[in-house]
């Protein structure tokens, strides 16, 4: 067990007790880790993913720990499905305190290499889907007196990656959108923050792996370029999600929280 895992398991106090959280893209990786961490800390979590079976497996894992959660399949590119899911959460649980809009897309390539449909899908998933999810949740949060909306960007949203034009462009855009929403809704106690992971060892890095010419080259990049010299873990990301979701961050809004081992320094 690494230090991050020990830290996560040691924190048993219910910092999200009584809160209701909805997570998109929660079937694996960072989304899964965040959903599980919030459930372990007292939240009623709704786990959603394009792959309904993956979402259900997350709930099974939580139930094996004696925790309650529910799951559903959700295509975040379906506007009405997203709105219906948020409304269903509020109808069922009476409120929505945390939205972690996490689903995203990555395609490698420069201006001449990325197909137009690849750029379109990047905008659709990395920017527009977050706009739709936040739009669906913010009215409920305003009426109940507040809430926390966490939108996954990337450290690619605060720096520029070589030959990753679609990814870097859309991740910068979502940071700007998050800050704009934060400015507009701070007076309603609805907080918006962007989660900006660096290299976390999940299958989502496939685009970077291809762009860098294979896993070995990516491993070398991580070891040599990131000041801390290693990958981040999903448990380390989960700790950051807990912070943004909970009352530990009540005076934070409009922030791009970068967790990348110092890569963007």
Protein backbone atom coordinates (compact mmCIF):
# COMPACT_ATOMS: atom_id res chain seq x y z
CA UNK A 1 0.00 0.00 0.00
CA UNK A 2 1.47 3.37 -1.02
CA UNK A 3 1.35 6.58 1.01
CA UNK A 4 -1.62 7.98 -0.90
CA UNK A 5 -3.65 4.82 -0.30
CA UNK A 6 -2.77 4.86 3.40
CA UNK A 7 -3.78 8.51 3.62
CA UNK A 8 -7.10 7.85 1.89
CA UNK A 9 -7.96 4.86 4.08
CA UNK A 10 -6.92 6.68 7.24
CA UNK A 11 -9.43 9.45 6.62
CA UNK A 12 -12.56 7.79 7.92
CA UNK A 13 -14.41 10.88 9.15
CA UNK A 14 -17.56 11.57 7.07
CA UNK A 15 -16.62 14.89 5.47
CA UNK A 16 -19.43 14.46 2.93
CA UNK A 17 -22.04 13.10 5.29
CA UNK A 18 -25.55 13.80 4.00
CA UNK A 19 -24.39 15.09 0.63
CA UNK A 20 -25.48 13.75 -2.75
CA UNK A 21 -22.92 13.48 -5.55
CA UNK A 22 -23.26 12.65 -9.25
CA UNK A 23 -20.17 11.60 -11.21
CA UNK A 24 -19.92 11.16 -14.98
CA UNK A 25 -17.27 8.97 -16.57
CA UNK A 26 -17.00 7.11 -13.27
CA UNK A 27 -16.58 3.57 -14.55
CA UNK A 28 -12.79 3.58 -14.36
CA UNK A 29 -9.70 5.62 -13.60
CA UNK A 30 -9.99 9.00 -11.89
CA UNK A 31 -13.79 9.09 -12.08
CA UNK A 32 -14.07 5.72 -10.35
CA UNK A 33 -11.54 6.65 -7.65
CA UNK A 34 -13.32 9.92 -6.92
CA UNK A 35 -16.75 8.32 -6.76
CA UNK A 36 -15.51 5.63 -4.38
CA UNK A 37 -13.72 8.15 -2.18
CA UNK A 38 -16.83 10.32 -1.88
CA UNK A 39 -18.94 7.30 -0.96
CA UNK A 40 -16.38 6.23 1.65
CA UNK A 41 -16.63 9.69 3.18
CA UNK A 42 -20.38 9.72 3.61
CA UNK A 43 -21.86 10.88 0.31
CA UNK A 44 -24.73 9.19 -1.49
CA UNK A 45 -23.04 8.72 -4.86
CA UNK A 46 -24.63 8.23 -8.24
CA UNK A 47 -22.08 6.53 -10.49
CA UNK A 48 -22.61 7.05 -14.23
CA UNK A 49 -20.65 5.98 -17.27
CA UNK A 50 -21.22 5.42 -20.97
CA UNK A 51 -20.60 1.75 -20.15
CA UNK A 52 -23.40 0.90 -17.72
CA UNK A 53 -21.70 -2.37 -16.73
CA UNK A 54 -18.56 -0.56 -15.60
CA UNK A 55 -20.65 1.84 -13.54
CA UNK A 56 -22.47 -1.09 -11.95
CA UNK A 57 -19.17 -2.76 -11.04
CA UNK A 58 -18.11 0.35 -9.13
CA UNK A 59 -21.32 0.13 -7.11
CA UNK A 60 -20.70 -3.58 -6.48
CA UNK A 61 -17.25 -2.75 -5.12
CA UNK A 62 -18.73 -0.13 -2.80
CA UNK A 63 -21.47 -2.46 -1.62
CA UNK A 64 -18.79 -5.04 -0.81
CA UNK A 65 -17.39 -2.42 1.58
CA UNK A 66 -20.83 -1.97 3.15
CA UNK A 67 -21.51 1.31 1.36
CA UNK A 68 -24.58 2.38 -0.57
CA UNK A 69 -24.47 3.80 -4.10
CA UNK A 70 -26.42 3.58 -7.32
CA UNK A 71 -25.37 3.49 -10.95
CA UNK A 72 -26.70 4.11 -14.43
CA UNK A 73 -25.48 4.25 -17.99
CA UNK A 74 -25.17 7.80 -19.30
CA UNK A 75 -24.07 9.20 -22.64
CA UNK A 76 -22.93 12.72 -21.81
CA UNK A 77 -23.30 13.76 -25.46
CA UNK A 78 -27.06 13.25 -25.11
CA UNK A 79 -28.25 16.58 -23.69
CA UNK A 80 -31.67 15.37 -22.64
CA UNK A 81 -30.26 12.24 -21.00
CA UNK A 82 -27.90 14.37 -18.91
CA UNK A 83 -30.67 16.72 -17.81
CA UNK A 84 -32.96 13.79 -17.03
CA UNK A 85 -30.28 12.09 -14.93
CA UNK A 86 -29.63 15.23 -12.87
CA UNK A 87 -33.36 15.79 -12.39
CA UNK A 88 -33.81 12.14 -11.39
CA UNK A 89 -31.07 12.47 -8.76
CA UNK A 90 -32.82 15.50 -7.26
CA UNK A 91 -36.21 13.80 -7.40
CA UNK A 92 -34.87 10.67 -5.71
CA UNK A 93 -32.56 12.22 -3.12
CA UNK A 94 -34.06 15.67 -2.68
CA UNK A 95 -30.89 17.53 -3.68
CA UNK A 96 -27.58 17.46 -5.55
CA UNK A 97 -24.58 18.81 -3.64
CA UNK A 98 -21.71 17.72 -5.85
CA UNK A 99 -21.42 17.28 -9.59
CA UNK A 100 -18.13 15.88 -10.85
CA UNK A 101 -18.37 16.20 -14.63
CA UNK A 102 -15.46 14.00 -15.60
CA UNK A 103 -16.10 12.31 -18.95
CA UNK A 104 -13.66 13.36 -21.66
CA UNK A 105 -11.91 12.49 -24.90
CA UNK A 106 -8.33 12.50 -26.14
CA UNK A 107 -6.97 12.37 -29.66
CA UNK A 108 -3.35 12.93 -30.60
CA UNK A 109 -2.00 14.96 -33.52
CA UNK A 110 -1.09 18.41 -34.77
CA UNK A 111 -3.09 20.80 -36.95
CA UNK A 112 -2.66 18.70 -40.08
CA UNK A 113 -3.02 15.32 -38.39
CA UNK A 114 -6.16 15.64 -36.30
CA UNK A 115 -9.27 14.93 -38.41
CA UNK A 116 -11.98 17.57 -38.24
CA UNK A 117 -14.32 15.03 -36.65
CA UNK A 118 -11.66 14.43 -33.97
CA UNK A 119 -11.63 18.13 -33.11
CA UNK A 120 -15.43 18.19 -33.14
CA UNK A 121 -15.61 15.23 -30.75
CA UNK A 122 -13.02 16.88 -28.50
CA UNK A 123 -15.18 19.98 -28.23
CA UNK A 124 -18.32 17.91 -27.77
CA UNK A 125 -16.93 15.86 -24.88
CA UNK A 126 -14.27 18.10 -23.31
CA UNK A 127 -16.24 21.35 -23.31
CA UNK A 128 -19.87 21.08 -24.39
CA UNK A 129 -20.77 18.05 -22.26
CA UNK A 130 -19.51 19.87 -19.16
CA UNK A 131 -21.57 22.93 -20.10
CA UNK A 132 -24.70 20.79 -20.40
CA UNK A 133 -24.09 18.93 -17.12
CA UNK A 134 -23.35 22.12 -15.19
CA UNK A 135 -26.39 23.83 -16.73
CA UNK A 136 -28.58 20.92 -15.60
CA UNK A 137 -27.28 21.03 -12.01
CA UNK A 138 -26.74 24.71 -11.25
CA UNK A 139 -30.40 25.68 -10.88
CA UNK A 140 -31.00 22.96 -8.31
CA UNK A 141 -27.88 24.01 -6.40
CA UNK A 142 -28.86 27.67 -6.45
CA UNK A 143 -32.33 26.87 -5.07
CA UNK A 144 -30.95 24.68 -2.26
CA UNK A 145 -28.37 27.31 -1.23
CA UNK A 146 -25.17 26.06 -2.81
CA UNK A 147 -23.12 23.22 -4.18
CA UNK A 148 -19.81 22.23 -5.72
CA UNK A 149 -19.32 21.59 -9.42
CA UNK A 150 -16.01 19.98 -10.33
CA UNK A 151 -15.09 19.84 -14.00
CA UNK A 152 -12.17 17.74 -15.16
CA UNK A 153 -9.73 19.62 -17.36
CA UNK A 154 -6.05 18.63 -17.40
CA UNK A 155 -2.68 20.17 -16.80
CA UNK A 156 -2.86 20.46 -20.59
CA UNK A 157 -5.34 23.23 -19.80
CA UNK A 158 -2.60 25.38 -18.24
CA UNK A 159 0.28 24.49 -20.55
CA UNK A 160 0.75 23.36 -24.16
CA UNK A 161 1.49 19.81 -25.29
CA UNK A 162 3.37 19.13 -28.49
CA UNK A 163 1.18 17.71 -31.25
CA UNK A 164 -1.97 17.50 -29.10
CA UNK A 165 -3.89 20.43 -30.59
CA UNK A 166 -7.44 19.16 -30.01
CA UNK A 167 -6.78 18.07 -26.45
CA UNK A 168 -4.84 21.13 -25.30
CA UNK A 169 -7.23 23.57 -26.97
CA UNK A 170 -10.35 22.07 -25.43
CA UNK A 171 -8.76 21.66 -22.00
CA UNK A 172 -7.80 25.34 -21.98
CA UNK A 173 -11.35 26.20 -23.02
CA UNK A 174 -12.92 24.24 -20.17
CA UNK A 175 -10.72 26.03 -17.62
CA UNK A 176 -11.91 29.37 -19.02
CA UNK A 177 -15.53 28.22 -18.98
CA UNK A 178 -15.22 26.97 -15.40
CA UNK A 179 -13.83 30.31 -14.26
CA UNK A 180 -16.59 32.20 -16.03
CA UNK A 181 -19.27 30.08 -14.38
CA UNK A 182 -17.53 30.53 -11.02
CA UNK A 183 -17.66 34.30 -11.40
CA UNK A 184 -21.34 34.22 -12.37
CA UNK A 185 -22.53 31.93 -9.57
CA UNK A 186 -20.31 32.75 -6.59
CA UNK A 187 -23.07 34.99 -5.20
CA UNK A 188 -25.31 31.90 -5.06
CA UNK A 189 -22.72 29.84 -3.17
CA UNK A 190 -22.33 27.48 -6.12
CA UNK A 191 -18.65 26.80 -6.55
CA UNK A 192 -16.99 25.79 -9.84
CA UNK A 193 -13.45 24.44 -9.92
CA UNK A 194 -11.42 22.68 -12.59
CA UNK A 195 -9.52 19.50 -11.76
CA UNK A 196 -6.27 19.43 -13.75
CA UNK A 197 -4.50 16.06 -13.57
CA UNK A 198 -1.09 15.41 -15.04
CA UNK A 199 0.09 11.93 -15.95
CA UNK A 200 -2.05 9.57 -13.90
CA UNK A 201 -1.49 5.94 -14.91
CA UNK A 202 -4.84 5.04 -16.47
CA UNK A 203 -5.90 3.83 -19.95
CA UNK A 204 -6.83 7.44 -20.79
CA UNK A 205 -3.17 8.05 -21.66
CA UNK A 206 -3.50 6.01 -24.87
CA UNK A 207 -3.38 9.15 -27.01
CA UNK A 208 -0.18 10.39 -25.39
CA UNK A 209 1.30 6.89 -25.67
CA UNK A 210 0.60 6.86 -29.41
CA UNK A 211 1.86 10.40 -29.85
CA UNK A 212 5.12 9.57 -28.06
CA UNK A 213 5.73 6.38 -29.99
CA UNK A 214 4.86 3.71 -27.43
CA UNK A 215 4.65 2.91 -23.75
CA UNK A 216 8.41 2.80 -23.20
CA UNK A 217 8.85 6.32 -24.54
CA UNK A 218 5.99 7.55 -22.38
CA UNK A 219 7.54 5.92 -19.32
CA UNK A 220 10.84 7.65 -20.11
CA UNK A 221 9.06 10.98 -20.47
CA UNK A 222 7.41 10.59 -17.10
CA UNK A 223 10.67 9.60 -15.41
CA UNK A 224 12.79 12.33 -16.98
CA UNK A 225 10.44 15.30 -17.47
CA UNK A 226 8.15 15.32 -14.45
CA UNK A 227 10.05 16.84 -11.50
CA UNK A 228 8.74 14.18 -9.10
CA UNK A 229 9.87 11.52 -11.57
CA UNK A 230 6.79 9.31 -11.43
CA UNK A 231 3.17 8.81 -12.38
CA UNK A 232 0.42 10.13 -10.14
CA UNK A 233 -2.14 7.69 -8.75
CA UNK A 234 -5.90 7.70 -8.91
CA UNK A 235 -5.94 7.73 -5.10
CA UNK A 236 -3.98 10.98 -5.11
CA UNK A 237 -6.56 12.42 -7.50
CA UNK A 238 -9.37 11.16 -5.26
CA UNK A 239 -7.96 13.15 -2.34
CA UNK A 240 -8.12 16.31 -4.46
CA UNK A 241 -11.68 15.52 -5.51
CA UNK A 242 -12.66 15.11 -1.85
CA UNK A 243 -11.16 18.50 -1.10
CA UNK A 244 -13.07 20.25 -3.88
CA UNK A 245 -16.32 18.44 -3.07
CA UNK A 246 -16.28 19.05 0.67
CA UNK A 247 -16.51 21.99 3.02
CA UNK A 248 -12.70 22.00 3.21
CA UNK A 249 -12.75 24.20 0.10
CA UNK A 250 -15.71 26.49 0.79
CA UNK A 251 -13.75 29.68 -0.06
CA UNK A 252 -12.36 28.27 -3.31
CA UNK A 253 -14.04 28.89 -6.64
CA UNK A 254 -12.77 29.51 -10.15
CA UNK A 255 -9.56 27.63 -9.43
CA UNK A 256 -7.65 25.27 -11.72
CA UNK A 257 -6.29 22.71 -9.27
CA UNK A 258 -3.23 21.21 -10.93
CA UNK A 259 -1.98 17.85 -9.64
CA UNK A 260 0.87 16.84 -11.92
CA UNK A 261 4.05 16.22 -9.96
CA UNK A 262 5.39 19.62 -11.04
CA UNK A 263 5.24 18.97 -14.80
CA UNK A 264 3.79 22.38 -15.65
CA UNK A 265 6.36 24.31 -13.59
